[in-house]
Every structure is written in structure tokens, then in C-alpha cells.
Amino acid sequence: MREKPSSLRKKHEKFLTTFEQAAVGISHVGLDGQWLEVNQTLCDIVGYTHDELVKLSFQDITHPDDLDGDLE
């Protein structure tokens, strides 16, 4: 059964609101390690603006001692 466009729109808006207003850092990362989406809280935690962070990969900001574990 297909959902009505208005129902999907409401769910999408709810997701975006939750993503942006979360008290924790949230991101979506592509298989190549590039940021697809980041929320402001994550930017605040890592000390980059949104525009700066999306130009980097998660590998760029991960401590070398932690990188192998994160890549697995």
C-alpha cells in the first residue's frame, strides 16, 4: 500500500526536525567516508562549520589510533 504524498512529507519533516534538533551529533556517511548529512550538534562537537565539515571525510577527523576500528 502506497502512502499519500502528504503523509510522506510529514514523516520527512519530522525526521528532519529530529535530525537537526538532536542533542547529540548525527550524520549520514557514504561508503567512501564522505559526509552526506551532518547536524549542527556534530559540527559543534568537532569544531567545524557545516561547510568546512562536509568538505572533509570522517577519516580526516578521526584520530589515527581509532581509524582502523572505525573502518571495520
PDB file of N, CA and C in Angstrom:
ATOM      1  N   MET A   1       0.845  -1.178   0.000  1.00  0.00           N
ATOM      2  CA  MET A   1       0.000   0.000   0.000  1.00  0.00           C
ATOM      3  C   MET A   1       0.890   1.241   0.000  1.00  0.00           C
ATOM      4  N   ARG A   2       0.624   2.138  -0.896  1.00  0.00           N
ATOM      5  CA  ARG A   2       1.430   3.364  -1.000  1.00  0.00           C
ATOM      6  C   ARG A   2       0.889   4.436  -0.073  1.00  0.00           C
ATOM      7  N   GLU A   3       1.814   5.148   0.534  1.00  0.00           N
ATOM      8  CA  GLU A   3       1.407   6.255   1.403  1.00  0.00           C
ATOM      9  C   GLU A   3       1.086   7.478   0.556  1.00  0.00           C
ATOM     10  N   LYS A   4       0.233   8.298   1.072  1.00  0.00           N
ATOM     11  CA  LYS A   4      -0.100   9.554   0.396  1.00  0.00           C
ATOM     12  C   LYS A   4       1.096  10.487   0.474  1.00  0.00           C
ATOM     13  N   PRO A   5       1.298  11.302  -0.561  1.00  0.00           N
ATOM     14  CA  PRO A   5       2.424  12.250  -0.529  1.00  0.00           C
ATOM     15  C   PRO A   5       2.430  13.125   0.716  1.00  0.00           C
ATOM     16  N   SER A   6       1.254  13.537   1.189  1.00  0.00           N
ATOM     17  CA  SER A   6       1.217  14.401   2.376  1.00  0.00           C
ATOM     18  C   SER A   6       1.706  13.660   3.613  1.00  0.00           C
ATOM     19  N   SER A   7       1.417  12.359   3.696  1.00  0.00           N
ATOM     20  CA  SER A   7       1.886  11.553   4.818  1.00  0.00           C
ATOM     21  C   SER A   7       3.410  11.399   4.774  1.00  0.00           C
ATOM     22  N   LEU A   8       3.940  11.153   3.588  1.00  0.00           N
ATOM     23  CA  LEU A   8       5.394  11.046   3.433  1.00  0.00           C
ATOM     24  C   LEU A   8       6.073  12.368   3.745  1.00  0.00           C
ATOM     25  N   ARG A   9       5.485  13.452   3.320  1.00  0.00           N
ATOM     26  CA  ARG A   9       6.048  14.776   3.583  1.00  0.00           C
ATOM     27  C   ARG A   9       6.106  15.033   5.087  1.00  0.00           C
ATOM     28  N   LYS A  10       5.039  14.676   5.799  1.00  0.00           N
ATOM     29  CA  LYS A  10       5.009  14.878   7.250  1.00  0.00           C
ATOM     30  C   LYS A  10       6.084  14.037   7.939  1.00  0.00           C
ATOM     31  N   LYS A  11       6.254  12.794   7.497  1.00  0.00           N
ATOM     32  CA  LYS A  11       7.287  11.944   8.083  1.00  0.00           C
ATOM     33  C   LYS A  11       8.677  12.500   7.802  1.00  0.00           C
ATOM     34  N   HIS A  12       8.875  12.987   6.594  1.00  0.00           N
ATOM     35  CA  HIS A  12      10.174  13.568   6.235  1.00  0.00           C
ATOM     36  C   HIS A  12      10.457  14.813   7.069  1.00  0.00           C
ATOM     37  N   GLU A  13       9.469  15.664   7.242  1.00  0.00           N
ATOM     38  CA  GLU A  13       9.634  16.869   8.060  1.00  0.00           C
ATOM     39  C   GLU A  13       9.935  16.502   9.509  1.00  0.00           C
ATOM     40  N   LYS A  14       9.269  15.474  10.015  1.00  0.00           N
ATOM     41  CA  LYS A  14       9.513  15.025  11.392  1.00  0.00           C
ATOM     42  C   LYS A  14      10.935  14.504  11.532  1.00  0.00           C
ATOM     43  N   PHE A  15      11.386  13.721  10.555  1.00  0.00           N
ATOM     44  CA  PHE A  15      12.758  13.223  10.568  1.00  0.00           C
ATOM     45  C   PHE A  15      13.747  14.378  10.561  1.00  0.00           C
ATOM     46  N   LEU A  16      13.559  15.344   9.667  1.00  0.00           N
ATOM     47  CA  LEU A  16      14.487  16.473   9.582  1.00  0.00           C
ATOM     48  C   LEU A  16      14.530  17.268  10.874  1.00  0.00           C
ATOM     49  N   THR A  17      13.376  17.479  11.486  1.00  0.00           N
ATOM     50  CA  THR A  17      13.328  18.209  12.746  1.00  0.00           C
ATOM     51  C   THR A  17      14.091  17.457  13.831  1.00  0.00           C
ATOM     52  N   THR A  18      13.873  16.152  13.909  1.00  0.00           N
ATOM     53  CA  THR A  18      14.579  15.330  14.893  1.00  0.00           C
ATOM     54  C   THR A  18      16.077  15.358  14.637  1.00  0.00           C
ATOM     55  N   PHE A  19      16.482  15.221  13.384  1.00  0.00           N
ATOM     56  CA  PHE A  19      17.890  15.223  12.993  1.00  0.00           C
ATOM     57  C   PHE A  19      18.552  16.532  13.398  1.00  0.00           C
ATOM     58  N   GLU A  20      17.914  17.643  13.074  1.00  0.00           N
ATOM     59  CA  GLU A  20      18.522  18.951  13.322  1.00  0.00           C
ATOM     60  C   GLU A  20      18.483  19.368  14.784  1.00  0.00           C
ATOM     61  N   GLN A  21      17.485  18.942  15.537  1.00  0.00           N
ATOM     62  CA  GLN A  21      17.347  19.399  16.917  1.00  0.00           C
ATOM     63  C   GLN A  21      17.887  18.416  17.946  1.00  0.00           C
ATOM     64  N   ALA A  22      18.481  17.337  17.490  1.00  0.00           N
ATOM     65  CA  ALA A  22      19.007  16.325  18.416  1.00  0.00           C
ATOM     66  C   ALA A  22      20.100  16.914  19.299  1.00  0.00           C
ATOM     67  N   ALA A  23      20.150  16.456  20.525  1.00  0.00           N
ATOM     68  CA  ALA A  23      21.163  16.912  21.469  1.00  0.00           C
ATOM     69  C   ALA A  23      22.483  16.173  21.286  1.00  0.00           C
ATOM     70  N   VAL A  24      22.524  15.262  20.322  1.00  0.00           N
ATOM     71  CA  VAL A  24      23.739  14.502  20.017  1.00  0.00           C
ATOM     72  C   VAL A  24      24.116  14.753  18.562  1.00  0.00           C
ATOM     73  N   GLY A  25      25.384  14.539  18.254  1.00  0.00           N
ATOM     74  CA  GLY A  25      25.828  14.684  16.874  1.00  0.00           C
ATOM     75  C   GLY A  25      25.317  13.528  16.033  1.00  0.00           C
ATOM     76  N   ILE A  26      24.731  13.847  14.901  1.00  0.00           N
ATOM     77  CA  ILE A  26      24.202  12.833  13.987  1.00  0.00           C
ATOM     78  C   ILE A  26      24.726  13.122  12.593  1.00  0.00           C
ATOM     79  N   SER A  27      25.054  12.042  11.884  1.00  0.00           N
ATOM     80  CA  SER A  27      25.472  12.213  10.500  1.00  0.00           C
ATOM     81  C   SER A  27      25.062  11.000   9.686  1.00  0.00           C
ATOM     82  N   HIS A  28      25.028  11.203   8.407  1.00  0.00           N
ATOM     83  CA  HIS A  28      24.942  10.113   7.437  1.00  0.00           C
ATOM     84  C   HIS A  28      26.250  10.174   6.670  1.00  0.00           C
ATOM     85  N   VAL A  29      26.907   9.034   6.558  1.00  0.00           N
ATOM     86  CA  VAL A  29      28.208   8.963   5.904  1.00  0.00           C
ATOM     87  C   VAL A  29      28.115   7.971   4.756  1.00  0.00           C
ATOM     88  N   GLY A  30      28.643   8.345   3.599  1.00  0.00           N
ATOM     89  CA  GLY A  30      28.674   7.448   2.448  1.00  0.00           C
ATOM     90  C   GLY A  30      29.722   6.364   2.627  1.00  0.00           C
ATOM     91  N   LEU A  31      29.657   5.358   1.799  1.00  0.00           N
ATOM     92  CA  LEU A  31      30.617   4.247   1.869  1.00  0.00           C
ATOM     93  C   LEU A  31      32.050   4.712   1.650  1.00  0.00           C
ATOM     94  N   ASP A  32      32.205   5.859   0.992  1.00  0.00           N
ATOM     95  CA  ASP A  32      33.537   6.406   0.750  1.00  0.00           C
ATOM     96  C   ASP A  32      34.038   7.271   1.903  1.00  0.00           C
ATOM     97  N   GLY A  33      33.233   7.397   2.960  1.00  0.00           N
ATOM     98  CA  GLY A  33      33.628   8.182   4.123  1.00  0.00           C
ATOM     99  C   GLY A  33      33.233   9.645   4.055  1.00  0.00           C
ATOM    100  N   GLN A  34      32.641  10.062   2.951  1.00  0.00           N
ATOM    101  CA  GLN A  34      32.217  11.463   2.822  1.00  0.00           C
ATOM    102  C   GLN A  34      30.906  11.682   3.573  1.00  0.00           C
ATOM    103  N   TRP A  35      30.798  12.832   4.180  1.00  0.00           N
ATOM    104  CA  TRP A  35      29.580  13.201   4.894  1.00  0.00           C
ATOM    105  C   TRP A  35      28.459  13.438   3.884  1.00  0.00           C
ATOM    106  N   LEU A  36      27.327  12.831   4.115  1.00  0.00           N
ATOM    107  CA  LEU A  36      26.150  13.075   3.290  1.00  0.00           C
ATOM    108  C   LEU A  36      25.250  14.111   3.965  1.00  0.00           C
ATOM    109  N   GLU A  37      25.112  13.977   5.262  1.00  0.00           N
ATOM    110  CA  GLU A  37      24.329  14.914   6.077  1.00  0.00           C
ATOM    111  C   GLU A  37      24.998  15.009   7.444  1.00  0.00           C
ATOM    112  N   VAL A  38      25.040  16.195   8.000  1.00  0.00           N
ATOM    113  CA  VAL A  38      25.540  16.387   9.364  1.00  0.00           C
ATOM    114  C   VAL A  38      24.620  17.383  10.060  1.00  0.00           C
ATOM    115  N   ASN A  39      24.416  17.178  11.356  1.00  0.00           N
ATOM    116  CA  ASN A  39      23.611  18.167  12.073  1.00  0.00           C
ATOM    117  C   ASN A  39      24.531  19.181  12.767  1.00  0.00           C
ATOM    118  N   GLN A  40      23.937  20.252  13.231  1.00  0.00           N
ATOM    119  CA  GLN A  40      24.712  21.335  13.835  1.00  0.00           C
ATOM    120  C   GLN A  40      25.417  20.879  15.106  1.00  0.00           C
ATOM    121  N   THR A  41      24.783  19.971  15.847  1.00  0.00           N
ATOM    122  CA  THR A  41      25.409  19.491  17.080  1.00  0.00           C
ATOM    123  C   THR A  41      26.729  18.786  16.774  1.00  0.00           C
ATOM    124  N   LEU A  42      26.775  17.987  15.711  1.00  0.00           N
ATOM    125  CA  LEU A  42      28.028  17.335  15.331  1.00  0.00           C
ATOM    126  C   LEU A  42      29.075  18.383  14.967  1.00  0.00           C
ATOM    127  N   CYS A  43      28.662  19.391  14.222  1.00  0.00           N
ATOM    128  CA  CYS A  43      29.599  20.475  13.876  1.00  0.00           C
ATOM    129  C   CYS A  43      30.164  21.127  15.128  1.00  0.00           C
ATOM    130  N   ASP A  44      29.296  21.378  16.097  1.00  0.00           N
ATOM    131  CA  ASP A  44      29.743  21.992  17.351  1.00  0.00           C
ATOM    132  C   ASP A  44      30.724  21.083  18.093  1.00  0.00           C
ATOM    133  N   ILE A  45      30.457  19.780  18.100  1.00  0.00           N
ATOM    134  CA  ILE A  45      31.307  18.830  18.813  1.00  0.00           C
ATOM    135  C   ILE A  45      32.704  18.781  18.199  1.00  0.00           C
ATOM    136  N   VAL A  46      32.779  18.729  16.876  1.00  0.00           N
ATOM    137  CA  VAL A  46      34.085  18.576  16.227  1.00  0.00           C
ATOM    138  C   VAL A  46      34.755  19.902  15.904  1.00  0.00           C
ATOM    139  N   GLY A  47      34.034  21.009  16.083  1.00  0.00           N
ATOM    140  CA  GLY A  47      34.642  22.328  15.933  1.00  0.00           C
ATOM    141  C   GLY A  47      34.766  22.838  14.509  1.00  0.00           C
ATOM    142  N   TYR A  48      33.947  22.324  13.615  1.00  0.00           N
ATOM    143  CA  TYR A  48      33.933  22.799  12.233  1.00  0.00           C
ATOM    144  C   TYR A  48      32.571  23.385  11.903  1.00  0.00           C
ATOM    145  N   THR A  49      32.543  24.327  10.984  1.00  0.00           N
ATOM    146  CA  THR A  49      31.252  24.785  10.464  1.00  0.00           C
ATOM    147  C   THR A  49      30.718  23.686   9.554  1.00  0.00           C
ATOM    148  N   HIS A  50      29.455  23.776   9.213  1.00  0.00           N
ATOM    149  CA  HIS A  50      28.852  22.801   8.300  1.00  0.00           C
ATOM    150  C   HIS A  50      29.628  22.757   6.988  1.00  0.00           C
ATOM    151  N   ASP A  51      29.882  23.916   6.418  1.00  0.00           N
ATOM    152  CA  ASP A  51      30.571  23.976   5.124  1.00  0.00           C
ATOM    153  C   ASP A  51      31.983  23.392   5.199  1.00  0.00           C
ATOM    154  N   GLU A  52      32.672  23.619   6.314  1.00  0.00           N
ATOM    155  CA  GLU A  52      34.019  23.049   6.475  1.00  0.00           C
ATOM    156  C   GLU A  52      33.951  21.527   6.606  1.00  0.00           C
ATOM    157  N   LEU A  53      33.021  21.051   7.421  1.00  0.00           N
ATOM    158  CA  LEU A  53      32.948  19.623   7.705  1.00  0.00           C
ATOM    159  C   LEU A  53      32.594  18.805   6.469  1.00  0.00           C
ATOM    160  N   VAL A  54      31.646  19.279   5.665  1.00  0.00           N
ATOM    161  CA  VAL A  54      31.236  18.476   4.505  1.00  0.00           C
ATOM    162  C   VAL A  54      32.314  18.411   3.421  1.00  0.00           C
ATOM    163  N   LYS A  55      33.342  19.228   3.535  1.00  0.00           N
ATOM    164  CA  LYS A  55      34.466  19.142   2.600  1.00  0.00           C
ATOM    165  C   LYS A  55      35.476  18.082   3.037  1.00  0.00           C
ATOM    166  N   LEU A  56      35.322  17.570   4.260  1.00  0.00           N
ATOM    167  CA  LEU A  56      36.217  16.554   4.812  1.00  0.00           C
ATOM    168  C   LEU A  56      35.521  15.195   4.792  1.00  0.00           C
ATOM    169  N   SER A  57      36.272  14.155   5.095  1.00  0.00           N
ATOM    170  CA  SER A  57      35.678  12.835   5.293  1.00  0.00           C
ATOM    171  C   SER A  57      35.760  12.510   6.780  1.00  0.00           C
ATOM    172  N   PHE A  58      35.046  11.470   7.187  1.00  0.00           N
ATOM    173  CA  PHE A  58      35.144  11.119   8.604  1.00  0.00           C
ATOM    174  C   PHE A  58      36.560  10.660   8.937  1.00  0.00           C
ATOM    175  N   GLN A  59      37.266  10.112   7.943  1.00  0.00           N
ATOM    176  CA  GLN A  59      38.649   9.696   8.167  1.00  0.00           C
ATOM    177  C   GLN A  59      39.544  10.897   8.488  1.00  0.00           C
ATOM    178  N   ASP A  60      39.222  12.042   7.886  1.00  0.00           N
ATOM    179  CA  ASP A  60      40.019  13.253   8.116  1.00  0.00           C
ATOM    180  C   ASP A  60      39.962  13.743   9.562  1.00  0.00           C
ATOM    181  N   ILE A  61      38.864  13.450  10.253  1.00  0.00           N
ATOM    182  CA  ILE A  61      38.720  13.985  11.609  1.00  0.00           C
ATOM    183  C   ILE A  61      38.807  12.900  12.682  1.00  0.00           C
ATOM    184  N   THR A  62      39.102  11.671  12.268  1.00  0.00           N
ATOM    185  CA  THR A  62      39.214  10.566  13.221  1.00  0.00           C
ATOM    186  C   THR A  62      40.669  10.407  13.639  1.00  0.00           C
ATOM    187  N   HIS A  63      40.893  10.247  14.932  1.00  0.00           N
ATOM    188  CA  HIS A  63      42.252  10.053  15.445  1.00  0.00           C
ATOM    189  C   HIS A  63      42.829   8.789  14.805  1.00  0.00           C
ATOM    190  N   PRO A  64      44.104   8.839  14.388  1.00  0.00           N
ATOM    191  CA  PRO A  64      44.727   7.684  13.721  1.00  0.00           C
ATOM    192  C   PRO A  64      44.615   6.371  14.514  1.00  0.00           C
ATOM    193  N   ASP A  65      44.671   6.455  15.842  1.00  0.00           N
ATOM    194  CA  ASP A  65      44.558   5.240  16.663  1.00  0.00           C
ATOM    195  C   ASP A  65      43.172   4.604  16.577  1.00  0.00           C
ATOM    196  N   ASP A  66      42.183   5.388  16.200  1.00  0.00           N
ATOM    197  CA  ASP A  66      40.797   4.887  16.142  1.00  0.00           C
ATOM    198  C   ASP A  66      40.354   4.524  14.728  1.00  0.00           C
ATOM    199  N   LEU A  67      41.121   4.908  13.740  1.00  0.00           N
ATOM    200  CA  LEU A  67      40.670   4.802  12.349  1.00  0.00           C
ATOM    201  C   LEU A  67      40.447   3.363  11.896  1.00  0.00           C
ATOM    202  N   ASP A  68      41.370   2.444  12.187  1.00  0.00           N
ATOM    203  CA  ASP A  68      41.185   1.066  11.744  1.00  0.00           C
ATOM    204  C   ASP A  68      39.892   0.461  12.269  1.00  0.00           C
ATOM    205  N   GLY A  69      39.623   0.687  13.536  1.00  0.00           N
ATOM    206  CA  GLY A  69      38.383   0.170  14.142  1.00  0.00           C
ATOM    207  C   GLY A  69      37.148   0.769  13.503  1.00  0.00           C
ATOM    208  N   ASP A  70      37.192   2.053  13.209  1.00  0.00           N
ATOM    209  CA  ASP A  70      36.046   2.719  12.578  1.00  0.00           C
ATOM    210  C   ASP A  70      35.826   2.228  11.169  1.00  0.00           C
ATOM    211  N   LEU A  71      36.897   1.948  10.440  1.00  0.00           N
ATOM    212  CA  LEU A  71      36.775   1.479   9.066  1.00  0.00           C
ATOM    213  C   LEU A  71      36.195   0.067   8.989  1.00  0.00           C
ATOM    214  N   GLU A  72      36.455  -0.733  10.025  1.00  0.00           N
ATOM    215  CA  GLU A  72      35.894  -2.083  10.050  1.00  0.00           C
ATOM    216  C   GLU A  72      34.398  -2.004  10.209  1.00  0.00           C
TER     217      GLU A  72
END
